[in-house]
């Protein structure tokens, strides 16, 4: 999936694919993982962002005012299903 996995990305991957997924992971770390995996970033209105790769899309609501991904807002569970 990722050509080079540094320690931060390895930790983020472990959080995303944990069972249950870690909802305390920073949203920016999830975004960084998807971009490193070759996803194209599409900025949507407001706090939304869509990632696209090979015709597949996943939509996120960027967490605010907190920086942590929350369950039900497209965070870790959507990331782990986007394969």
Protein backbone atom coordinates (compact mmCIF):
# COMPACT_ATOMS: atom_id res chain seq x y z
CA UNK A 1 0.00 0.00 0.00
CA UNK A 2 2.62 2.56 1.06
CA UNK A 3 6.08 2.48 -0.49
CA UNK A 4 7.72 3.91 2.63
CA UNK A 5 6.12 3.61 6.04
CA UNK A 6 7.77 5.76 8.69
CA UNK A 7 7.03 5.30 12.38
CA UNK A 8 4.25 7.93 12.47
CA UNK A 9 2.47 6.35 9.51
CA UNK A 10 2.95 2.87 10.97
CA UNK A 11 1.36 4.06 14.22
CA UNK A 12 -1.52 5.71 12.33
CA UNK A 13 -2.11 2.54 10.29
CA UNK A 14 -2.26 0.49 13.48
CA UNK A 15 -4.84 2.93 14.90
CA UNK A 16 -6.98 2.88 11.76
CA UNK A 17 -7.02 -0.91 11.48
CA UNK A 18 -7.40 -1.62 15.21
CA UNK A 19 -10.55 -3.46 16.25
CA UNK A 20 -12.37 -1.31 17.18
CA UNK A 21 -10.66 1.54 15.31
CA UNK A 22 -8.97 4.15 17.51
CA UNK A 23 -11.16 7.25 17.47
CA UNK A 24 -8.43 9.29 19.15
CA UNK A 25 -6.22 9.54 16.05
CA UNK A 26 -5.67 13.05 14.70
CA UNK A 27 -7.57 13.73 11.50
CA UNK A 28 -4.44 15.17 9.88
CA UNK A 29 -2.67 11.81 10.37
CA UNK A 30 -5.46 10.01 8.53
CA UNK A 31 -5.28 12.55 5.70
CA UNK A 32 -1.49 12.17 5.52
CA UNK A 33 -1.84 8.40 5.22
CA UNK A 34 -4.33 8.64 2.38
CA UNK A 35 -2.20 11.14 0.46
CA UNK A 36 0.91 8.97 0.96
CA UNK A 37 -1.07 6.03 -0.43
CA UNK A 38 -1.64 8.00 -3.63
CA UNK A 39 -5.09 9.45 -3.04
CA UNK A 40 -6.12 12.68 -4.69
CA UNK A 41 -7.52 15.27 -2.25
CA UNK A 42 -10.73 17.07 -3.22
CA UNK A 43 -11.58 19.99 -0.95
CA UNK A 44 -15.32 20.19 -0.41
CA UNK A 45 -17.30 23.10 1.07
CA UNK A 46 -16.87 23.77 4.77
CA UNK A 47 -14.98 21.16 6.77
CA UNK A 48 -15.42 18.36 4.28
CA UNK A 49 -12.80 16.64 2.17
CA UNK A 50 -12.99 13.75 -0.29
CA UNK A 51 -10.14 11.40 -1.17
CA UNK A 52 -10.14 9.55 -4.47
CA UNK A 53 -8.00 6.72 -5.78
CA UNK A 54 -8.63 4.31 -8.65
CA UNK A 55 -12.23 5.48 -8.99
CA UNK A 56 -13.04 4.91 -5.32
CA UNK A 57 -13.94 7.81 -3.04
CA UNK A 58 -14.18 8.31 0.68
CA UNK A 59 -15.67 11.43 2.27
CA UNK A 60 -14.56 12.94 5.59
CA UNK A 61 -15.72 15.70 7.84
CA UNK A 62 -12.61 17.35 9.27
CA UNK A 63 -12.88 17.36 13.04
CA UNK A 64 -13.19 20.75 14.70
CA UNK A 65 -12.74 22.39 17.13
CA UNK A 66 -10.96 19.23 18.26
CA UNK A 67 -8.35 17.69 16.02
CA UNK A 68 -9.28 14.09 16.80
CA UNK A 69 -11.37 11.95 14.48
CA UNK A 70 -14.72 11.07 15.98
CA UNK A 71 -16.80 7.96 15.35
CA UNK A 72 -19.56 8.56 12.84
CA UNK A 73 -17.85 11.50 11.15
CA UNK A 74 -15.89 9.57 8.56
CA UNK A 75 -12.75 9.11 10.62
CA UNK A 76 -11.06 5.83 11.31
CA UNK A 77 -13.86 3.45 10.31
CA UNK A 78 -14.16 4.97 6.82
CA UNK A 79 -10.39 4.91 6.47
CA UNK A 80 -10.14 1.22 7.20
CA UNK A 81 -12.91 0.38 4.70
CA UNK A 82 -11.31 2.46 1.90
CA UNK A 83 -9.10 -0.19 0.31
